[in-house]
Amino acid sequence: MWEYTDKVKDLYRNPKNVGEIEDANAVGEVGSLACGDALKLYLKVSEDGIIEDAKFQTFGCGSAVASAGMLTEMIIGKPIADAAKITNMDIADALGGLPDQKMHCSVLGHEALEAALSNYFGTPIAKTDQDRIVCKCFSITEKKVREIIKENKLTSLEDITNFCKAGGGCGMCISDIHEILGDEITKRELADKKPKLTKTQLIVQINKIIENYIAPELQKDGGDIELVDVEDNKIFVKLRGACSHCPSSSSTLKNFVEMTLKEHLGPEIEVIEA
């Protein structure tokens, strides 16, 4: 039998914030009944970007109920920008931990939050070649598998299955998942061997990425971006032009600027608006 913390047991027996928000201005729905887990997250966000209320509806096990309930408790009262930084590991840690086989429940909560924030800002994340379905049994994309491996530093197929169920069905995707895992582990090892850049070297590299990949896209819509400072893995930037007054600026920073910099510099990068 799996061991559950008292917090998980309490949130399962006494669920928090279950239900629907009729006037929600952000809704995220992930998973599917066919895959065994589904979660719908409702947010009520104030005009100044504070999450005033959060509720959920779920079809899943006790860990899914507990993870969703904990997520709502973690985000109520928080600014959107702070809520966007919450990871699946933050949810699991707040629960005092989850059995390895149930870590996918915390991932489901994180995905629902991402979907709700994307819905709020009206900026769905553009699809890439990595959005191909790798695990057809659970509709898991290559991109999701790579994200799970990188964010949680996974090292085995068993870990991946525990975190997102990929590979836990018919088994036809196992060879593909092993290939992706090997590729991500190689990247991780190469990154670990890289000599650490000085602050000046890092600033030069960041500016090149901004000039070549980020600024040209923002300038298409009358916006721009400026690097303000760098502290360890934190990159402080300021949006300029049309982007500075855009209601979806927080989403632009997280879903475009931060993701682009992470692709080039590593998953530990965090972008903060100065």
C-alpha atoms as a PDB file:
ATOM      1  CA  MET A   1       0.000   0.000   0.000  1.00  0.00           C
ATOM      2  CA  TRP A   2       1.120   3.591  -0.676  1.00  0.00           C
ATOM      3  CA  GLU A   3       1.898   5.845   2.257  1.00  0.00           C
ATOM      4  CA  TYR A   4       0.049   9.184   2.304  1.00  0.00           C
ATOM      5  CA  THR A   5       0.805  12.169   4.500  1.00  0.00           C
ATOM      6  CA  ASP A   6      -1.767  13.466   6.974  1.00  0.00           C
ATOM      7  CA  LYS A   7      -2.186  16.557   4.764  1.00  0.00           C
ATOM      8  CA  VAL A   8      -3.100  14.434   1.732  1.00  0.00           C
ATOM      9  CA  LYS A   9      -5.557  12.388   3.787  1.00  0.00           C
ATOM     10  CA  ASP A  10      -7.174  15.507   5.253  1.00  0.00           C
ATOM     11  CA  LEU A  11      -7.603  17.228   1.874  1.00  0.00           C
ATOM     12  CA  TYR A  12      -9.083  14.071   0.396  1.00  0.00           C
ATOM     13  CA  ARG A  13     -11.518  13.526   3.277  1.00  0.00           C
ATOM     14  CA  ASN A  14     -12.307  17.236   3.605  1.00  0.00           C
ATOM     15  CA  PRO A  15     -11.800  18.739   0.126  1.00  0.00           C
ATOM     16  CA  LYS A  16     -11.173  22.479  -0.093  1.00  0.00           C
ATOM     17  CA  ASN A  17     -12.641  24.790  -2.743  1.00  0.00           C
ATOM     18  CA  VAL A  18     -14.545  22.148  -4.704  1.00  0.00           C
ATOM     19  CA  GLY A  19     -17.089  23.421  -7.223  1.00  0.00           C
ATOM     20  CA  GLU A  20     -17.567  25.961  -9.976  1.00  0.00           C
ATOM     21  CA  ILE A  21     -17.168  29.744 -10.064  1.00  0.00           C
ATOM     22  CA  GLU A  22     -20.002  31.009 -12.256  1.00  0.00           C
ATOM     23  CA  ASP A  23     -18.352  34.349 -13.033  1.00  0.00           C
ATOM     24  CA  ALA A  24     -14.813  32.969 -13.367  1.00  0.00           C
ATOM     25  CA  ASN A  25     -12.612  34.946 -15.754  1.00  0.00           C
ATOM     26  CA  ALA A  26     -10.031  32.169 -16.127  1.00  0.00           C
ATOM     27  CA  VAL A  27     -10.730  28.472 -16.666  1.00  0.00           C
ATOM     28  CA  GLY A  28      -8.238  25.685 -17.312  1.00  0.00           C
ATOM     29  CA  GLU A  29      -9.253  22.150 -18.224  1.00  0.00           C
ATOM     30  CA  VAL A  30      -6.717  19.323 -18.594  1.00  0.00           C
ATOM     31  CA  GLY A  31      -6.635  15.539 -18.785  1.00  0.00           C
ATOM     32  CA  SER A  32      -9.502  13.391 -19.964  1.00  0.00           C
ATOM     33  CA  LEU A  33     -11.869  10.785 -18.578  1.00  0.00           C
ATOM     34  CA  ALA A  34     -10.477   8.307 -21.101  1.00  0.00           C
ATOM     35  CA  CYS A  35      -7.005   8.705 -19.549  1.00  0.00           C
ATOM     36  CA  GLY A  36      -8.341   8.288 -16.027  1.00  0.00           C
ATOM     37  CA  ASP A  37      -7.698  11.817 -14.678  1.00  0.00           C
ATOM     38  CA  ALA A  38      -9.394  15.097 -15.522  1.00  0.00           C
ATOM     39  CA  LEU A  39      -9.243  18.463 -13.774  1.00  0.00           C
ATOM     40  CA  LYS A  40     -11.055  21.752 -14.353  1.00  0.00           C
ATOM     41  CA  LEU A  41      -9.760  24.829 -12.519  1.00  0.00           C
ATOM     42  CA  TYR A  42     -11.769  28.055 -12.133  1.00  0.00           C
ATOM     43  CA  LEU A  43     -10.158  31.368 -11.169  1.00  0.00           C
ATOM     44  CA  LYS A  44     -11.679  34.732 -10.283  1.00  0.00           C
ATOM     45  CA  VAL A  45      -9.006  37.365 -10.907  1.00  0.00           C
ATOM     46  CA  SER A  46      -9.447  40.981  -9.785  1.00  0.00           C
ATOM     47  CA  GLU A  47      -8.765  43.999 -11.993  1.00  0.00           C
ATOM     48  CA  ASP A  48      -5.368  44.460 -10.342  1.00  0.00           C
ATOM     49  CA  GLY A  49      -4.344  40.852 -11.061  1.00  0.00           C
ATOM     50  CA  ILE A  50      -5.013  39.192  -7.690  1.00  0.00           C
ATOM     51  CA  ILE A  51      -6.583  35.715  -7.606  1.00  0.00           C
ATOM     52  CA  GLU A  52      -9.587  36.345  -5.366  1.00  0.00           C
ATOM     53  CA  ASP A  53     -11.070  32.854  -5.587  1.00  0.00           C
ATOM     54  CA  ALA A  54     -10.228  29.438  -7.016  1.00  0.00           C
ATOM     55  CA  LYS A  55     -12.296  26.271  -7.249  1.00  0.00           C
ATOM     56  CA  PHE A  56     -11.924  22.942  -9.003  1.00  0.00           C
ATOM     57  CA  GLN A  57     -13.809  19.942 -10.313  1.00  0.00           C
ATOM     58  CA  THR A  58     -11.961  16.688 -10.822  1.00  0.00           C
ATOM     59  CA  PHE A  59     -12.367  13.082 -11.823  1.00  0.00           C
ATOM     60  CA  GLY A  60      -9.514  11.193 -10.229  1.00  0.00           C
ATOM     61  CA  CYS A  61      -8.076   9.528  -7.162  1.00  0.00           C
ATOM     62  CA  GLY A  62      -7.631  10.923  -3.665  1.00  0.00           C
ATOM     63  CA  SER A  63      -4.209  12.319  -4.579  1.00  0.00           C
ATOM     64  CA  ALA A  64      -5.766  14.252  -7.471  1.00  0.00           C
ATOM     65  CA  VAL A  65      -8.386  15.752  -5.132  1.00  0.00           C
ATOM     66  CA  ALA A  66      -5.733  16.638  -2.554  1.00  0.00           C
ATOM     67  CA  SER A  67      -3.369  18.135  -5.163  1.00  0.00           C
ATOM     68  CA  ALA A  68      -6.113  20.286  -6.692  1.00  0.00           C
ATOM     69  CA  GLY A  69      -7.326  21.431  -3.268  1.00  0.00           C
ATOM     70  CA  MET A  70      -3.804  22.324  -2.178  1.00  0.00           C
ATOM     71  CA  LEU A  71      -3.228  24.240  -5.409  1.00  0.00           C
ATOM     72  CA  THR A  72      -6.314  26.394  -4.824  1.00  0.00           C
ATOM     73  CA  GLU A  73      -5.170  27.162  -1.270  1.00  0.00           C
ATOM     74  CA  MET A  74      -1.711  28.120  -2.550  1.00  0.00           C
ATOM     75  CA  ILE A  75      -2.955  30.575  -5.191  1.00  0.00           C
ATOM     76  CA  ILE A  76      -5.910  32.319  -3.551  1.00  0.00           C
ATOM     77  CA  GLY A  77      -4.801  35.829  -2.588  1.00  0.00           C
ATOM     78  CA  LYS A  78      -1.695  35.709  -4.787  1.00  0.00           C
ATOM     79  CA  PRO A  79      -0.906  38.004  -7.733  1.00  0.00           C
ATOM     80  CA  ILE A  80      -1.109  36.243 -11.088  1.00  0.00           C
ATOM     81  CA  ALA A  81       2.648  36.692 -11.601  1.00  0.00           C
ATOM     82  CA  ASP A  82       3.424  34.839  -8.341  1.00  0.00           C
ATOM     83  CA  ALA A  83       0.930  32.044  -9.035  1.00  0.00           C
ATOM     84  CA  ALA A  84       2.559  31.477 -12.430  1.00  0.00           C
ATOM     85  CA  LYS A  85       5.814  30.492 -10.688  1.00  0.00           C
ATOM     86  CA  ILE A  86       4.254  27.538  -8.831  1.00  0.00           C
ATOM     87  CA  THR A  87       5.551  24.162 -10.024  1.00  0.00           C
ATOM     88  CA  ASN A  88       4.232  20.634  -9.598  1.00  0.00           C
ATOM     89  CA  MET A  89       6.999  20.032  -7.031  1.00  0.00           C
ATOM     90  CA  ASP A  90       5.734  23.025  -5.023  1.00  0.00           C
ATOM     91  CA  ILE A  91       2.303  21.372  -4.879  1.00  0.00           C
ATOM     92  CA  ALA A  92       3.773  18.002  -3.849  1.00  0.00           C
ATOM     93  CA  ASP A  93       6.007  19.635  -1.218  1.00  0.00           C
ATOM     94  CA  ALA A  94       3.055  21.551   0.248  1.00  0.00           C
ATOM     95  CA  LEU A  95       1.292  18.206   0.672  1.00  0.00           C
ATOM     96  CA  GLY A  96       4.294  16.849   2.541  1.00  0.00           C
ATOM     97  CA  GLY A  97       5.120  14.651  -0.428  1.00  0.00           C
ATOM     98  CA  LEU A  98       3.293  12.179  -2.643  1.00  0.00           C
ATOM     99  CA  PRO A  99       4.037   8.520  -3.437  1.00  0.00           C
ATOM    100  CA  ASP A 100       6.139   8.245  -6.601  1.00  0.00           C
ATOM    101  CA  GLN A 101       3.244   6.568  -8.390  1.00  0.00           C
ATOM    102  CA  LYS A 102       1.007   9.556  -7.646  1.00  0.00           C
ATOM    103  CA  MET A 103       3.303  12.417  -8.682  1.00  0.00           C
ATOM    104  CA  HIS A 104       1.294  12.776 -11.898  1.00  0.00           C
ATOM    105  CA  CYS A 105      -1.518  14.253  -9.773  1.00  0.00           C
ATOM    106  CA  SER A 106       0.642  17.261  -8.867  1.00  0.00           C
ATOM    107  CA  VAL A 107       1.600  17.588 -12.548  1.00  0.00           C
ATOM    108  CA  LEU A 108      -2.104  17.622 -13.466  1.00  0.00           C
ATOM    109  CA  GLY A 109      -2.652  20.508 -11.032  1.00  0.00           C
ATOM    110  CA  HIS A 110       0.252  22.473 -12.510  1.00  0.00           C
ATOM    111  CA  GLU A 111      -1.045  21.890 -16.046  1.00  0.00           C
ATOM    112  CA  ALA A 112      -4.522  23.120 -15.041  1.00  0.00           C
ATOM    113  CA  LEU A 113      -2.997  26.285 -13.584  1.00  0.00           C
ATOM    114  CA  GLU A 114      -1.007  26.894 -16.790  1.00  0.00           C
ATOM    115  CA  ALA A 115      -4.146  26.357 -18.874  1.00  0.00           C
ATOM    116  CA  ALA A 116      -6.179  28.752 -16.702  1.00  0.00           C
ATOM    117  CA  LEU A 117      -3.519  31.475 -16.903  1.00  0.00           C
ATOM    118  CA  SER A 118      -3.279  31.018 -20.662  1.00  0.00           C
ATOM    119  CA  ASN A 119      -7.057  31.365 -20.857  1.00  0.00           C
ATOM    120  CA  TYR A 120      -6.960  34.510 -18.689  1.00  0.00           C
ATOM    121  CA  PHE A 121      -4.354  36.239 -20.855  1.00  0.00           C
ATOM    122  CA  GLY A 122      -5.840  34.938 -24.094  1.00  0.00           C
ATOM    123  CA  THR A 123      -2.449  33.763 -25.276  1.00  0.00           C
ATOM    124  CA  PRO A 124      -2.411  30.035 -26.027  1.00  0.00           C
ATOM    125  CA  ILE A 125       1.113  28.655 -26.306  1.00  0.00           C
ATOM    126  CA  ALA A 126       2.088  28.125 -29.930  1.00  0.00           C
ATOM    127  CA  LYS A 127       2.480  24.504 -31.036  1.00  0.00           C
ATOM    128  CA  THR A 128       5.847  23.133 -32.126  1.00  0.00           C
ATOM    129  CA  ASP A 129       7.164  19.911 -33.635  1.00  0.00           C
ATOM    130  CA  GLN A 130       7.531  18.612 -30.086  1.00  0.00           C
ATOM    131  CA  ASP A 131       3.749  18.675 -29.649  1.00  0.00           C
ATOM    132  CA  ARG A 132       3.465  15.303 -31.402  1.00  0.00           C
ATOM    133  CA  ILE A 133       1.759  12.675 -29.259  1.00  0.00           C
ATOM    134  CA  VAL A 134       4.333  10.216 -27.929  1.00  0.00           C
ATOM    135  CA  CYS A 135       2.114   8.187 -25.598  1.00  0.00           C
ATOM    136  CA  LYS A 136      -1.203   7.597 -27.359  1.00  0.00           C
ATOM    137  CA  CYS A 137      -2.737   5.771 -24.385  1.00  0.00           C
ATOM    138  CA  PHE A 138      -2.611   8.924 -22.245  1.00  0.00           C
ATOM    139  CA  SER A 139      -2.244  11.599 -24.963  1.00  0.00           C
ATOM    140  CA  ILE A 140       1.151  12.772 -23.677  1.00  0.00           C
ATOM    141  CA  THR A 141       3.239  14.918 -26.034  1.00  0.00           C
ATOM    142  CA  GLU A 142       6.991  14.830 -26.553  1.00  0.00           C
ATOM    143  CA  LYS A 143       7.132  18.404 -25.223  1.00  0.00           C
ATOM    144  CA  LYS A 144       5.427  17.385 -21.973  1.00  0.00           C
ATOM    145  CA  VAL A 145       7.774  14.407 -21.522  1.00  0.00           C
ATOM    146  CA  ARG A 146      10.821  16.654 -22.018  1.00  0.00           C
ATOM    147  CA  GLU A 147       9.449  19.283 -19.602  1.00  0.00           C
ATOM    148  CA  ILE A 148       8.776  16.656 -16.930  1.00  0.00           C
ATOM    149  CA  ILE A 149      12.298  15.222 -17.285  1.00  0.00           C
ATOM    150  CA  LYS A 150      13.990  18.639 -17.139  1.00  0.00           C
ATOM    151  CA  GLU A 151      11.946  20.232 -14.360  1.00  0.00           C
ATOM    152  CA  ASN A 152      12.165  17.208 -12.053  1.00  0.00           C
ATOM    153  CA  LYS A 153      15.611  15.887 -13.111  1.00  0.00           C
ATOM    154  CA  LEU A 154      14.194  12.444 -13.885  1.00  0.00           C
ATOM    155  CA  THR A 155      16.520   9.557 -14.747  1.00  0.00           C
ATOM    156  CA  SER A 156      14.350   6.537 -15.584  1.00  0.00           C
ATOM    157  CA  LEU A 157      11.281   5.396 -17.496  1.00  0.00           C
ATOM    158  CA  GLU A 158       9.642   4.503 -14.188  1.00  0.00           C
ATOM    159  CA  ASP A 159      10.089   8.086 -12.981  1.00  0.00           C
ATOM    160  CA  ILE A 160       8.500   9.452 -16.166  1.00  0.00           C
ATOM    161  CA  THR A 161       5.511   7.104 -15.859  1.00  0.00           C
ATOM    162  CA  ASN A 162       5.019   8.124 -12.224  1.00  0.00           C
ATOM    163  CA  PHE A 163       5.066  11.822 -13.104  1.00  0.00           C
ATOM    164  CA  CYS A 164       2.876  11.842 -16.221  1.00  0.00           C
ATOM    165  CA  LYS A 165       1.735   8.232 -16.941  1.00  0.00           C
ATOM    166  CA  ALA A 166       3.585   8.133 -20.300  1.00  0.00           C
ATOM    167  CA  GLY A 167       4.729   4.585 -20.968  1.00  0.00           C
ATOM    168  CA  GLY A 168       2.253   3.091 -18.504  1.00  0.00           C
ATOM    169  CA  GLY A 169      -0.198   1.768 -21.087  1.00  0.00           C
ATOM    170  CA  CYS A 170       0.358  -0.488 -24.086  1.00  0.00           C
ATOM    171  CA  GLY A 171       4.130   0.069 -24.091  1.00  0.00           C
ATOM    172  CA  MET A 172       4.400   1.022 -27.769  1.00  0.00           C
ATOM    173  CA  CYS A 173       5.937   4.394 -26.834  1.00  0.00           C
ATOM    174  CA  ILE A 174       8.648   3.062 -24.536  1.00  0.00           C
ATOM    175  CA  SER A 175      11.430   3.140 -27.127  1.00  0.00           C
ATOM    176  CA  ASP A 176      10.559   6.756 -28.025  1.00  0.00           C
ATOM    177  CA  ILE A 177      10.532   7.753 -24.357  1.00  0.00           C
ATOM    178  CA  HIS A 178      13.912   6.083 -23.772  1.00  0.00           C
ATOM    179  CA  GLU A 179      15.317   8.060 -26.707  1.00  0.00           C
ATOM    180  CA  ILE A 180      13.934  11.345 -25.337  1.00  0.00           C
ATOM    181  CA  LEU A 181      15.229  10.507 -21.847  1.00  0.00           C
ATOM    182  CA  GLY A 182      18.708   9.739 -23.191  1.00  0.00           C
ATOM    183  CA  ASP A 183      18.750  13.005 -25.123  1.00  0.00           C
ATOM    184  CA  GLU A 184      17.711  15.054 -22.071  1.00  0.00           C
ATOM    185  CA  ILE A 185      20.217  13.313 -19.786  1.00  0.00           C
ATOM    186  CA  THR A 186      22.990  14.033 -22.311  1.00  0.00           C
ATOM    187  CA  LYS A 187      21.983  17.710 -22.406  1.00  0.00           C
ATOM    188  CA  ARG A 188      21.960  17.804 -18.611  1.00  0.00           C
ATOM    189  CA  GLU A 189      25.419  16.243 -18.379  1.00  0.00           C
ATOM    190  CA  LEU A 190      26.831  18.651 -20.951  1.00  0.00           C
ATOM    191  CA  ALA A 191      25.322  21.592 -19.084  1.00  0.00           C
ATOM    192  CA  ASP A 192      26.848  20.353 -15.819  1.00  0.00           C
ATOM    193  CA  LYS A 193      30.288  20.168 -17.457  1.00  0.00           C
ATOM    194  CA  LYS A 194      30.073  23.671 -18.886  1.00  0.00           C
ATOM    195  CA  PRO A 195      32.277  26.188 -17.073  1.00  0.00           C
ATOM    196  CA  LYS A 196      30.117  28.708 -15.241  1.00  0.00           C
ATOM    197  CA  LEU A 197      29.870  31.991 -17.095  1.00  0.00           C
ATOM    198  CA  THR A 198      30.913  35.198 -15.415  1.00  0.00           C
ATOM    199  CA  LYS A 199      28.164  37.785 -14.984  1.00  0.00           C
ATOM    200  CA  THR A 200      29.601  39.811 -17.871  1.00  0.00           C
ATOM    201  CA  GLN A 201      29.694  36.752 -20.164  1.00  0.00           C
ATOM    202  CA  LEU A 202      26.121  35.854 -19.207  1.00  0.00           C
ATOM    203  CA  ILE A 203      24.891  39.393 -19.916  1.00  0.00           C
ATOM    204  CA  VAL A 204      26.519  39.289 -23.358  1.00  0.00           C
ATOM    205  CA  GLN A 205      24.878  35.930 -24.095  1.00  0.00           C
ATOM    206  CA  ILE A 206      21.459  37.084 -22.868  1.00  0.00           C
ATOM    207  CA  ASN A 207      21.636  40.231 -24.988  1.00  0.00           C
ATOM    208  CA  LYS A 208      22.429  38.136 -28.076  1.00  0.00           C
ATOM    209  CA  ILE A 209      19.399  35.911 -27.425  1.00  0.00           C
ATOM    210  CA  ILE A 210      17.192  38.960 -26.898  1.00  0.00           C
ATOM    211  CA  GLU A 211      18.461  40.664 -30.059  1.00  0.00           C
ATOM    212  CA  ASN A 212      18.209  37.570 -32.278  1.00  0.00           C
ATOM    213  CA  TYR A 213      15.161  35.713 -30.984  1.00  0.00           C
ATOM    214  CA  ILE A 214      13.006  37.792 -28.633  1.00  0.00           C
ATOM    215  CA  ALA A 215      13.070  41.479 -29.631  1.00  0.00           C
ATOM    216  CA  PRO A 216      12.277  40.851 -33.344  1.00  0.00           C
ATOM    217  CA  GLU A 217       9.056  39.032 -32.398  1.00  0.00           C
ATOM    218  CA  LEU A 218       7.959  41.735 -29.952  1.00  0.00           C
ATOM    219  CA  GLN A 219       8.776  44.486 -32.443  1.00  0.00           C
ATOM    220  CA  LYS A 220       6.320  42.988 -34.924  1.00  0.00           C
ATOM    221  CA  ASP A 221       3.516  44.216 -32.631  1.00  0.00           C
ATOM    222  CA  GLY A 222       5.128  47.525 -31.709  1.00  0.00           C
ATOM    223  CA  GLY A 223       6.816  46.289 -28.554  1.00  0.00           C
ATOM    224  CA  ASP A 224      10.375  45.794 -27.384  1.00  0.00           C
ATOM    225  CA  ILE A 225      12.395  44.548 -24.429  1.00  0.00           C
ATOM    226  CA  GLU A 226      15.420  45.721 -22.437  1.00  0.00           C
ATOM    227  CA  LEU A 227      17.749  43.735 -20.181  1.00  0.00           C
ATOM    228  CA  VAL A 228      18.010  45.505 -16.820  1.00  0.00           C
ATOM    229  CA  ASP A 229      20.081  43.216 -14.585  1.00  0.00           C
ATOM    230  CA  VAL A 230      21.175  39.648 -13.897  1.00  0.00           C
ATOM    231  CA  GLU A 231      21.477  38.015 -10.466  1.00  0.00           C
ATOM    232  CA  ASP A 232      22.521  34.350 -10.555  1.00  0.00           C
ATOM    233  CA  ASN A 233      19.722  32.640 -12.540  1.00  0.00           C
ATOM    234  CA  LYS A 234      17.317  35.577 -12.261  1.00  0.00           C
ATOM    235  CA  ILE A 235      17.081  37.817 -15.327  1.00  0.00           C
ATOM    236  CA  PHE A 236      15.427  41.211 -14.839  1.00  0.00           C
ATOM    237  CA  VAL A 237      13.928  42.764 -17.961  1.00  0.00           C
ATOM    238  CA  LYS A 238      11.659  45.677 -18.865  1.00  0.00           C
ATOM    239  CA  LEU A 239       9.069  45.527 -21.616  1.00  0.00           C
ATOM    240  CA  ARG A 240       8.968  48.587 -23.857  1.00  0.00           C
ATOM    241  CA  GLY A 241       6.571  50.131 -26.373  1.00  0.00           C
ATOM    242  CA  ALA A 242       3.194  48.460 -26.843  1.00  0.00           C
ATOM    243  CA  CYS A 243       4.261  45.517 -24.661  1.00  0.00           C
ATOM    244  CA  SER A 244       4.618  47.707 -21.562  1.00  0.00           C
ATOM    245  CA  HIS A 245       0.891  48.493 -21.489  1.00  0.00           C
ATOM    246  CA  CYS A 246      -0.391  45.155 -22.806  1.00  0.00           C
ATOM    247  CA  PRO A 247      -2.732  43.284 -20.404  1.00  0.00           C
ATOM    248  CA  SER A 248      -1.015  40.017 -21.360  1.00  0.00           C
ATOM    249  CA  SER A 249       2.502  41.253 -20.515  1.00  0.00           C
ATOM    250  CA  SER A 250       2.876  38.730 -17.657  1.00  0.00           C
ATOM    251  CA  SER A 251       2.026  35.902 -20.023  1.00  0.00           C
ATOM    252  CA  THR A 252       4.472  37.267 -22.616  1.00  0.00           C
ATOM    253  CA  LEU A 253       7.254  37.207 -20.026  1.00  0.00           C
ATOM    254  CA  LYS A 254       6.492  33.668 -18.862  1.00  0.00           C
ATOM    255  CA  ASN A 255       5.337  31.897 -22.024  1.00  0.00           C
ATOM    256  CA  PHE A 256       7.657  33.570 -24.529  1.00  0.00           C
ATOM    257  CA  VAL A 257      10.577  35.485 -23.005  1.00  0.00           C
ATOM    258  CA  GLU A 258      11.328  33.056 -20.172  1.00  0.00           C
ATOM    259  CA  MET A 259      10.765  29.941 -22.292  1.00  0.00           C
ATOM    260  CA  THR A 260      13.068  31.274 -25.032  1.00  0.00           C
ATOM    261  CA  LEU A 261      15.835  32.047 -22.558  1.00  0.00           C
ATOM    262  CA  LYS A 262      15.406  28.649 -20.890  1.00  0.00           C
ATOM    263  CA  GLU A 263      15.809  26.919 -24.244  1.00  0.00           C
ATOM    264  CA  HIS A 264      19.179  28.601 -24.762  1.00  0.00           C
ATOM    265  CA  LEU A 265      20.510  28.905 -21.210  1.00  0.00           C
ATOM    266  CA  GLY A 266      18.900  26.118 -19.188  1.00  0.00           C
ATOM    267  CA  PRO A 267      15.713  25.270 -17.217  1.00  0.00           C
ATOM    268  CA  GLU A 268      16.875  27.051 -14.057  1.00  0.00           C
ATOM    269  CA  ILE A 269      16.447  30.501 -15.652  1.00  0.00           C
ATOM    270  CA  GLU A 270      13.752  32.794 -14.184  1.00  0.00           C
ATOM    271  CA  VAL A 271      12.642  36.015 -15.868  1.00  0.00           C
ATOM    272  CA  ILE A 272      11.384  38.837 -13.654  1.00  0.00           C
ATOM    273  CA  GLU A 273       9.864  42.136 -14.757  1.00  0.00           C
ATOM    274  CA  ALA A 274      11.944  45.027 -13.430  1.00  0.00           C
END
